[in-house]
Amino acid sequence: MRIACPICGERDRREFYVKGAALERPVEGAGLEAWHAHVNLRANPAGVIAELWYHEMGCGSWLTVTRNTATHEVLKVELASESGLGGAA
């Protein structure tokens, strides 16, 4: 699988560390149940999902990679800071 880093260009996926699904965080002041659900209760869908990837052996950027988990087709790659999802964690 190849990932097109917005800064470094197309690279092999072994240069990256995958964090998991890029989910919106609970709002400030959210209770324990909201944080428990955010951290521990995740769906594992087959299909299109946005994930957080870290370019560990490259520029050090956090990326939001939208891909199909069934086919591994990468549909979109953008800097996590610009995607509005997940942020750098």
PDB file of N, CA and C in Angstrom:
ATOM      1  N   MET A   1       0.847  -1.172   0.000  1.00  0.00           N
ATOM      2  CA  MET A   1       0.000   0.000   0.000  1.00  0.00           C
ATOM      3  C   MET A   1       0.896   1.240   0.000  1.00  0.00           C
ATOM      4  N   ARG A   2       0.533   2.223  -0.783  1.00  0.00           N
ATOM      5  CA  ARG A   2       1.284   3.476  -0.886  1.00  0.00           C
ATOM      6  C   ARG A   2       0.413   4.609  -0.341  1.00  0.00           C
ATOM      7  N   ILE A   3       1.045   5.544   0.365  1.00  0.00           N
ATOM      8  CA  ILE A   3       0.351   6.703   0.920  1.00  0.00           C
ATOM      9  C   ILE A   3       1.028   7.949   0.388  1.00  0.00           C
ATOM     10  N   ALA A   4       0.240   8.864  -0.160  1.00  0.00           N
ATOM     11  CA  ALA A   4       0.772  10.117  -0.720  1.00  0.00           C
ATOM     12  C   ALA A   4       0.796  11.183   0.367  1.00  0.00           C
ATOM     13  N   CYS A   5       1.921  11.305   1.056  1.00  0.00           N
ATOM     14  CA  CYS A   5       2.091  12.334   2.087  1.00  0.00           C
ATOM     15  C   CYS A   5       2.028  13.702   1.404  1.00  0.00           C
ATOM     16  N   PRO A   6       1.219  14.633   1.934  1.00  0.00           N
ATOM     17  CA  PRO A   6       1.139  15.964   1.328  1.00  0.00           C
ATOM     18  C   PRO A   6       2.473  16.717   1.325  1.00  0.00           C
ATOM     19  N   ILE A   7       3.394  16.334   2.200  1.00  0.00           N
ATOM     20  CA  ILE A   7       4.681  17.019   2.294  1.00  0.00           C
ATOM     21  C   ILE A   7       5.785  16.259   1.538  1.00  0.00           C
ATOM     22  N   CYS A   8       5.839  14.941   1.699  1.00  0.00           N
ATOM     23  CA  CYS A   8       6.940  14.146   1.148  1.00  0.00           C
ATOM     24  C   CYS A   8       6.625  13.449  -0.172  1.00  0.00           C
ATOM     25  N   GLY A   9       5.361  13.378  -0.533  1.00  0.00           N
ATOM     26  CA  GLY A   9       4.983  12.645  -1.740  1.00  0.00           C
ATOM     27  C   GLY A   9       4.638  11.199  -1.428  1.00  0.00           C
ATOM     28  N   GLU A  10       4.514  10.393  -2.469  1.00  0.00           N
ATOM     29  CA  GLU A  10       4.095   9.010  -2.316  1.00  0.00           C
ATOM     30  C   GLU A  10       5.176   8.178  -1.634  1.00  0.00           C
ATOM     31  N   ARG A  11       4.758   7.420  -0.604  1.00  0.00           N
ATOM     32  CA  ARG A  11       5.683   6.600   0.174  1.00  0.00           C
ATOM     33  C   ARG A  11       5.041   5.248   0.485  1.00  0.00           C
ATOM     34  N   ASP A  12       5.879   4.268   0.797  1.00  0.00           N
ATOM     35  CA  ASP A  12       5.396   2.954   1.215  1.00  0.00           C
ATOM     36  C   ASP A  12       4.772   3.075   2.602  1.00  0.00           C
ATOM     37  N   ARG A  13       3.745   2.320   2.868  1.00  0.00           N
ATOM     38  CA  ARG A  13       3.031   2.417   4.142  1.00  0.00           C
ATOM     39  C   ARG A  13       3.905   2.047   5.328  1.00  0.00           C
ATOM     40  N   ARG A  14       5.024   1.371   5.120  1.00  0.00           N
ATOM     41  CA  ARG A  14       5.918   1.002   6.227  1.00  0.00           C
ATOM     42  C   ARG A  14       6.633   2.197   6.831  1.00  0.00           C
ATOM     43  N   GLU A  15       6.565   3.365   6.179  1.00  0.00           N
ATOM     44  CA  GLU A  15       7.143   4.587   6.749  1.00  0.00           C
ATOM     45  C   GLU A  15       6.218   5.217   7.783  1.00  0.00           C
ATOM     46  N   PHE A  16       5.002   4.700   7.899  1.00  0.00           N
ATOM     47  CA  PHE A  16       3.967   5.320   8.721  1.00  0.00           C
ATOM     48  C   PHE A  16       3.575   4.427   9.891  1.00  0.00           C
ATOM     49  N   TYR A  17       3.072   5.065  10.932  1.00  0.00           N
ATOM     50  CA  TYR A  17       2.500   4.385  12.090  1.00  0.00           C
ATOM     51  C   TYR A  17       1.015   4.720  12.095  1.00  0.00           C
ATOM     52  N   VAL A  18       0.168   3.709  12.117  1.00  0.00           N
ATOM     53  CA  VAL A  18      -1.277   3.961  12.115  1.00  0.00           C
ATOM     54  C   VAL A  18      -1.789   4.010  13.546  1.00  0.00           C
ATOM     55  N   LYS A  19      -2.505   5.073  13.874  1.00  0.00           N
ATOM     56  CA  LYS A  19      -3.041   5.288  15.225  1.00  0.00           C
ATOM     57  C   LYS A  19      -4.431   4.681  15.364  1.00  0.00           C
ATOM     58  N   GLY A  20      -5.229   4.739  14.313  1.00  0.00           N
ATOM     59  CA  GLY A  20      -6.583   4.208  14.367  1.00  0.00           C
ATOM     60  C   GLY A  20      -7.561   5.193  13.756  1.00  0.00           C
ATOM     61  N   ALA A  21      -8.824   4.946  13.983  1.00  0.00           N
ATOM     62  CA  ALA A  21      -9.883   5.773  13.406  1.00  0.00           C
ATOM     63  C   ALA A  21      -9.755   7.227  13.852  1.00  0.00           C
ATOM     64  N   ALA A  22      -9.949   8.131  12.908  1.00  0.00           N
ATOM     65  CA  ALA A  22      -9.905   9.571  13.198  1.00  0.00           C
ATOM     66  C   ALA A  22     -11.295  10.000  13.642  1.00  0.00           C
ATOM     67  N   LEU A  23     -11.495  10.049  14.931  1.00  0.00           N
ATOM     68  CA  LEU A  23     -12.804  10.356  15.497  1.00  0.00           C
ATOM     69  C   LEU A  23     -12.801  11.730  16.155  1.00  0.00           C
ATOM     70  N   GLU A  24     -13.944  12.371  16.122  1.00  0.00           N
ATOM     71  CA  GLU A  24     -14.060  13.638  16.842  1.00  0.00           C
ATOM     72  C   GLU A  24     -14.011  13.355  18.337  1.00  0.00           C
ATOM     73  N   ARG A  25     -13.264  14.175  19.050  1.00  0.00           N
ATOM     74  CA  ARG A  25     -13.133  13.996  20.492  1.00  0.00           C
ATOM     75  C   ARG A  25     -14.365  14.545  21.199  1.00  0.00           C
ATOM     76  N   PRO A  26     -14.663  14.013  22.394  1.00  0.00           N
ATOM     77  CA  PRO A  26     -15.760  14.585  23.176  1.00  0.00           C
ATOM     78  C   PRO A  26     -15.489  16.058  23.483  1.00  0.00           C
ATOM     79  N   VAL A  27     -16.544  16.811  23.679  1.00  0.00           N
ATOM     80  CA  VAL A  27     -16.424  18.240  23.946  1.00  0.00           C
ATOM     81  C   VAL A  27     -15.761  18.465  25.308  1.00  0.00           C
ATOM     82  N   GLU A  28     -15.196  19.656  25.483  1.00  0.00           N
ATOM     83  CA  GLU A  28     -14.577  20.009  26.759  1.00  0.00           C
ATOM     84  C   GLU A  28     -15.598  19.871  27.877  1.00  0.00           C
ATOM     85  N   GLY A  29     -15.195  19.241  28.959  1.00  0.00           N
ATOM     86  CA  GLY A  29     -16.080  19.046  30.096  1.00  0.00           C
ATOM     87  C   GLY A  29     -16.969  17.824  29.979  1.00  0.00           C
ATOM     88  N   ALA A  30     -16.778  17.010  28.930  1.00  0.00           N
ATOM     89  CA  ALA A  30     -17.579  15.798  28.762  1.00  0.00           C
ATOM     90  C   ALA A  30     -17.318  14.847  29.919  1.00  0.00           C
ATOM     91  N   GLY A  31     -18.300  14.086  30.250  1.00  0.00           N
ATOM     92  CA  GLY A  31     -18.203  13.170  31.376  1.00  0.00           C
ATOM     93  C   GLY A  31     -17.387  11.925  31.076  1.00  0.00           C
ATOM     94  N   LEU A  32     -17.192  11.135  32.113  1.00  0.00           N
ATOM     95  CA  LEU A  32     -16.412   9.907  32.026  1.00  0.00           C
ATOM     96  C   LEU A  32     -16.996   8.935  30.999  1.00  0.00           C
ATOM     97  N   GLU A  33     -18.313   8.838  30.930  1.00  0.00           N
ATOM     98  CA  GLU A  33     -18.942   7.912  29.983  1.00  0.00           C
ATOM     99  C   GLU A  33     -18.627   8.287  28.535  1.00  0.00           C
ATOM    100  N   ALA A  34     -18.621   9.583  28.223  1.00  0.00           N
ATOM    101  CA  ALA A  34     -18.307  10.031  26.861  1.00  0.00           C
ATOM    102  C   ALA A  34     -16.864   9.685  26.508  1.00  0.00           C
ATOM    103  N   TRP A  35     -15.944   9.883  27.450  1.00  0.00           N
ATOM    104  CA  TRP A  35     -14.537   9.561  27.191  1.00  0.00           C
ATOM    105  C   TRP A  35     -14.321   8.057  27.117  1.00  0.00           C
ATOM    106  N   HIS A  36     -15.013   7.302  27.959  1.00  0.00           N
ATOM    107  CA  HIS A  36     -14.919   5.838  27.906  1.00  0.00           C
ATOM    108  C   HIS A  36     -15.374   5.340  26.533  1.00  0.00           C
ATOM    109  N   ALA A  37     -16.477   5.849  26.038  1.00  0.00           N
ATOM    110  CA  ALA A  37     -16.983   5.448  24.727  1.00  0.00           C
ATOM    111  C   ALA A  37     -15.995   5.833  23.620  1.00  0.00           C
ATOM    112  N   HIS A  38     -15.422   7.035  23.724  1.00  0.00           N
ATOM    113  CA  HIS A  38     -14.473   7.513  22.708  1.00  0.00           C
ATOM    114  C   HIS A  38     -13.213   6.646  22.651  1.00  0.00           C
ATOM    115  N   VAL A  39     -12.704   6.263  23.801  1.00  0.00           N
ATOM    116  CA  VAL A  39     -11.440   5.524  23.863  1.00  0.00           C
ATOM    117  C   VAL A  39     -11.632   4.019  23.664  1.00  0.00           C
ATOM    118  N   ASN A  40     -12.691   3.452  24.215  1.00  0.00           N
ATOM    119  CA  ASN A  40     -12.810   1.999  24.279  1.00  0.00           C
ATOM    120  C   ASN A  40     -13.884   1.359  23.412  1.00  0.00           C
ATOM    121  N   LEU A  41     -14.914   2.072  23.057  1.00  0.00           N
ATOM    122  CA  LEU A  41     -16.029   1.460  22.332  1.00  0.00           C
ATOM    123  C   LEU A  41     -16.005   1.901  20.873  1.00  0.00           C
ATOM    124  N   ARG A  42     -15.213   1.208  20.075  1.00  0.00           N
ATOM    125  CA  ARG A  42     -15.028   1.578  18.678  1.00  0.00           C
ATOM    126  C   ARG A  42     -15.636   0.536  17.760  1.00  0.00           C
ATOM    127  N   ALA A  43     -16.242   1.003  16.686  1.00  0.00           N
ATOM    128  CA  ALA A  43     -16.713   0.101  15.644  1.00  0.00           C
ATOM    129  C   ALA A  43     -15.509  -0.299  14.785  1.00  0.00           C
ATOM    130  N   ASN A  44     -15.595  -1.430  14.141  1.00  0.00           N
ATOM    131  CA  ASN A  44     -14.533  -1.889  13.252  1.00  0.00           C
ATOM    132  C   ASN A  44     -15.169  -2.203  11.895  1.00  0.00           C
ATOM    133  N   PRO A  45     -15.569  -1.153  11.168  1.00  0.00           N
ATOM    134  CA  PRO A  45     -16.330  -1.385   9.935  1.00  0.00           C
ATOM    135  C   PRO A  45     -15.460  -1.869   8.779  1.00  0.00           C
ATOM    136  N   ALA A  46     -16.068  -2.635   7.904  1.00  0.00           N
ATOM    137  CA  ALA A  46     -15.417  -2.988   6.637  1.00  0.00           C
ATOM    138  C   ALA A  46     -15.927  -1.982   5.624  1.00  0.00           C
ATOM    139  N   GLY A  47     -15.029  -1.202   5.067  1.00  0.00           N
ATOM    140  CA  GLY A  47     -15.422  -0.173   4.116  1.00  0.00           C
ATOM    141  C   GLY A  47     -14.613   1.090   4.329  1.00  0.00           C
ATOM    142  N   VAL A  48     -15.172   2.208   3.921  1.00  0.00           N
ATOM    143  CA  VAL A  48     -14.456   3.491   3.960  1.00  0.00           C
ATOM    144  C   VAL A  48     -14.421   4.045   5.377  1.00  0.00           C
ATOM    145  N   ILE A  49     -13.211   4.438   5.800  1.00  0.00           N
ATOM    146  CA  ILE A  49     -13.011   5.008   7.134  1.00  0.00           C
ATOM    147  C   ILE A  49     -11.850   6.006   7.072  1.00  0.00           C
ATOM    148  N   ALA A  50     -11.920   7.027   7.913  1.00  0.00           N
ATOM    149  CA  ALA A  50     -10.816   7.987   8.053  1.00  0.00           C
ATOM    150  C   ALA A  50      -9.982   7.552   9.249  1.00  0.00           C
ATOM    151  N   GLU A  51      -8.662   7.476   9.055  1.00  0.00           N
ATOM    152  CA  GLU A  51      -7.753   7.039  10.104  1.00  0.00           C
ATOM    153  C   GLU A  51      -6.632   8.054  10.296  1.00  0.00           C
ATOM    154  N   LEU A  52      -6.068   8.072  11.498  1.00  0.00           N
ATOM    155  CA  LEU A  52      -4.892   8.901  11.772  1.00  0.00           C
ATOM    156  C   LEU A  52      -3.634   8.079  11.536  1.00  0.00           C
ATOM    157  N   TRP A  53      -2.723   8.622  10.735  1.00  0.00           N
ATOM    158  CA  TRP A  53      -1.440   7.993  10.450  1.00  0.00           C
ATOM    159  C   TRP A  53      -0.345   9.012  10.762  1.00  0.00           C
ATOM    160  N   TYR A  54       0.758   8.525  11.320  1.00  0.00           N
ATOM    161  CA  TYR A  54       1.911   9.369  11.644  1.00  0.00           C
ATOM    162  C   TYR A  54       3.047   9.018  10.697  1.00  0.00           C
ATOM    163  N   HIS A  55       3.634  10.010  10.019  1.00  0.00           N
ATOM    164  CA  HIS A  55       4.738   9.756   9.097  1.00  0.00           C
ATOM    165  C   HIS A  55       6.024   9.663   9.910  1.00  0.00           C
ATOM    166  N   GLU A  56       6.177   8.536  10.558  1.00  0.00           N
ATOM    167  CA  GLU A  56       7.255   8.287  11.511  1.00  0.00           C
ATOM    168  C   GLU A  56       8.645   8.330  10.865  1.00  0.00           C
ATOM    169  N   MET A  57       8.804   7.758   9.695  1.00  0.00           N
ATOM    170  CA  MET A  57      10.111   7.698   9.051  1.00  0.00           C
ATOM    171  C   MET A  57      10.202   8.711   7.912  1.00  0.00           C
ATOM    172  N   GLY A  58       9.526   9.827   8.093  1.00  0.00           N
ATOM    173  CA  GLY A  58       9.532  10.887   7.100  1.00  0.00           C
ATOM    174  C   GLY A  58       9.493  12.234   7.787  1.00  0.00           C
ATOM    175  N   CYS A  59       8.511  13.045   7.435  1.00  0.00           N
ATOM    176  CA  CYS A  59       8.437  14.430   7.902  1.00  0.00           C
ATOM    177  C   CYS A  59       7.873  14.599   9.311  1.00  0.00           C
ATOM    178  N   GLY A  60       7.336  13.529   9.907  1.00  0.00           N
ATOM    179  CA  GLY A  60       6.783  13.629  11.256  1.00  0.00           C
ATOM    180  C   GLY A  60       5.392  14.222  11.314  1.00  0.00           C
ATOM    181  N   SER A  61       4.701  14.291  10.193  1.00  0.00           N
ATOM    182  CA  SER A  61       3.351  14.854  10.157  1.00  0.00           C
ATOM    183  C   SER A  61       2.303  13.820  10.546  1.00  0.00           C
ATOM    184  N   TRP A  62       1.231  14.297  11.191  1.00  0.00           N
ATOM    185  CA  TRP A  62       0.044  13.486  11.416  1.00  0.00           C
ATOM    186  C   TRP A  62      -0.865  13.697  10.219  1.00  0.00           C
ATOM    187  N   LEU A  63      -1.355  12.593   9.655  1.00  0.00           N
ATOM    188  CA  LEU A  63      -2.196  12.639   8.468  1.00  0.00           C
ATOM    189  C   LEU A  63      -3.536  11.984   8.734  1.00  0.00           C
ATOM    190  N   THR A  64      -4.569  12.472   8.061  1.00  0.00           N
ATOM    191  CA  THR A  64      -5.848  11.789   8.030  1.00  0.00           C
ATOM    192  C   THR A  64      -5.894  11.063   6.692  1.00  0.00           C
ATOM    193  N   VAL A  65      -5.911   9.730   6.754  1.00  0.00           N
ATOM    194  CA  VAL A  65      -5.939   8.894   5.562  1.00  0.00           C
ATOM    195  C   VAL A  65      -7.324   8.268   5.468  1.00  0.00           C
ATOM    196  N   THR A  66      -8.028   8.575   4.401  1.00  0.00           N
ATOM    197  CA  THR A  66      -9.335   7.967   4.159  1.00  0.00           C
ATOM    198  C   THR A  66      -9.101   6.795   3.216  1.00  0.00           C
ATOM    199  N   ARG A  67      -9.473   5.608   3.680  1.00  0.00           N
ATOM    200  CA  ARG A  67      -9.232   4.424   2.866  1.00  0.00           C
ATOM    201  C   ARG A  67     -10.350   3.405   3.057  1.00  0.00           C
ATOM    202  N   ASN A  68     -10.402   2.467   2.138  1.00  0.00           N
ATOM    203  CA  ASN A  68     -11.349   1.371   2.216  1.00  0.00           C
ATOM    204  C   ASN A  68     -10.645   0.222   2.927  1.00  0.00           C
ATOM    205  N   THR A  69     -11.131  -0.158   4.105  1.00  0.00           N
ATOM    206  CA  THR A  69     -10.467  -1.193   4.889  1.00  0.00           C
ATOM    207  C   THR A  69     -10.619  -2.577   4.267  1.00  0.00           C
ATOM    208  N   ALA A  70     -11.580  -2.759   3.375  1.00  0.00           N
ATOM    209  CA  ALA A  70     -11.764  -4.054   2.715  1.00  0.00           C
ATOM    210  C   ALA A  70     -10.789  -4.240   1.554  1.00  0.00           C
ATOM    211  N   THR A  71     -10.486  -3.155   0.846  1.00  0.00           N
ATOM    212  CA  THR A  71      -9.625  -3.256  -0.335  1.00  0.00           C
ATOM    213  C   THR A  71      -8.254  -2.598  -0.137  1.00  0.00           C
ATOM    214  N   HIS A  72      -8.086  -1.832   0.907  1.00  0.00           N
ATOM    215  CA  HIS A  72      -6.887  -1.041   1.211  1.00  0.00           C
ATOM    216  C   HIS A  72      -6.658   0.099   0.218  1.00  0.00           C
ATOM    217  N   GLU A  73      -7.657   0.414  -0.589  1.00  0.00           N
ATOM    218  CA  GLU A  73      -7.547   1.541  -1.522  1.00  0.00           C
ATOM    219  C   GLU A  73      -7.531   2.845  -0.736  1.00  0.00           C
ATOM    220  N   VAL A  74      -6.513   3.673  -0.971  1.00  0.00           N
ATOM    221  CA  VAL A  74      -6.416   4.980  -0.323  1.00  0.00           C
ATOM    222  C   VAL A  74      -7.182   5.981  -1.174  1.00  0.00           C
ATOM    223  N   LEU A  75      -8.185   6.617  -0.573  1.00  0.00           N
ATOM    224  CA  LEU A  75      -9.061   7.527  -1.293  1.00  0.00           C
ATOM    225  C   LEU A  75      -8.648   8.987  -1.145  1.00  0.00           C
ATOM    226  N   LYS A  76      -8.065   9.339   0.032  1.00  0.00           N
ATOM    227  CA  LYS A  76      -7.715  10.736   0.296  1.00  0.00           C
ATOM    228  C   LYS A  76      -6.681  10.782   1.415  1.00  0.00           C
ATOM    229  N   VAL A  77      -5.732  11.714   1.292  1.00  0.00           N
ATOM    230  CA  VAL A  77      -4.738  11.935   2.343  1.00  0.00           C
ATOM    231  C   VAL A  77      -4.606  13.436   2.547  1.00  0.00           C
ATOM    232  N   GLU A  78      -4.699  13.872   3.811  1.00  0.00           N
ATOM    233  CA  GLU A  78      -4.515  15.285   4.119  1.00  0.00           C
ATOM    234  C   GLU A  78      -3.885  15.417   5.500  1.00  0.00           C
ATOM    235  N   LEU A  79      -3.296  16.575   5.750  1.00  0.00           N
ATOM    236  CA  LEU A  79      -2.733  16.836   7.072  1.00  0.00           C
ATOM    237  C   LEU A  79      -3.857  16.803   8.094  1.00  0.00           C
ATOM    238  N   ALA A  80      -3.645  16.138   9.223  1.00  0.00           N
ATOM    239  CA  ALA A  80      -4.679  16.030  10.244  1.00  0.00           C
ATOM    240  C   ALA A  80      -5.113  17.389  10.758  1.00  0.00           C
ATOM    241  N   SER A  81      -4.187  18.335  10.803  1.00  0.00           N
ATOM    242  CA  SER A  81      -4.510  19.684  11.287  1.00  0.00           C
ATOM    243  C   SER A  81      -5.482  20.405  10.350  1.00  0.00           C
ATOM    244  N   GLU A  82      -5.558  19.967   9.103  1.00  0.00           N
ATOM    245  CA  GLU A  82      -6.450  20.596   8.123  1.00  0.00           C
ATOM    246  C   GLU A  82      -7.732  19.807   7.894  1.00  0.00           C
ATOM    247  N   SER A  83      -7.799  18.566   8.385  1.00  0.00           N
ATOM    248  CA  SER A  83      -8.956  17.719   8.115  1.00  0.00           C
ATOM    249  C   SER A  83     -10.109  17.973   9.088  1.00  0.00           C
ATOM    250  N   GLY A  84      -9.789  18.484  10.293  1.00  0.00           N
ATOM    251  CA  GLY A  84     -10.843  18.708  11.275  1.00  0.00           C
ATOM    252  C   GLY A  84     -11.244  17.459  12.032  1.00  0.00           C
ATOM    253  N   LEU A  85     -10.556  16.337  11.798  1.00  0.00           N
ATOM    254  CA  LEU A  85     -10.872  15.104  12.502  1.00  0.00           C
ATOM    255  C   LEU A  85      -9.676  14.653  13.327  1.00  0.00           C
ATOM    256  N   GLY A  86      -9.934  14.216  14.520  1.00  0.00           N
ATOM    257  CA  GLY A  86      -8.906  13.554  15.335  1.00  0.00           C
ATOM    258  C   GLY A  86      -7.818  14.429  15.885  1.00  0.00           C
ATOM    259  N   GLY A  87      -7.164  15.214  15.064  1.00  0.00           N
ATOM    260  CA  GLY A  87      -6.016  15.990  15.510  1.00  0.00           C
ATOM    261  C   GLY A  87      -4.831  15.091  15.810  1.00  0.00           C
ATOM    262  N   ALA A  88      -3.749  15.643  16.231  1.00  0.00           N
ATOM    263  CA  ALA A  88      -2.574  14.855  16.599  1.00  0.00           C
ATOM    264  C   ALA A  88      -2.751  14.358  18.017  1.00  0.00           C
ATOM    265  N   ALA A  89      -2.639  13.062  18.193  1.00  0.00           N
ATOM    266  CA  ALA A  89      -2.846  12.480  19.523  1.00  0.00           C
ATOM    267  C   ALA A  89      -1.596  11.817  20.026  1.00  0.00           C
TER     268      ALA A  89
END
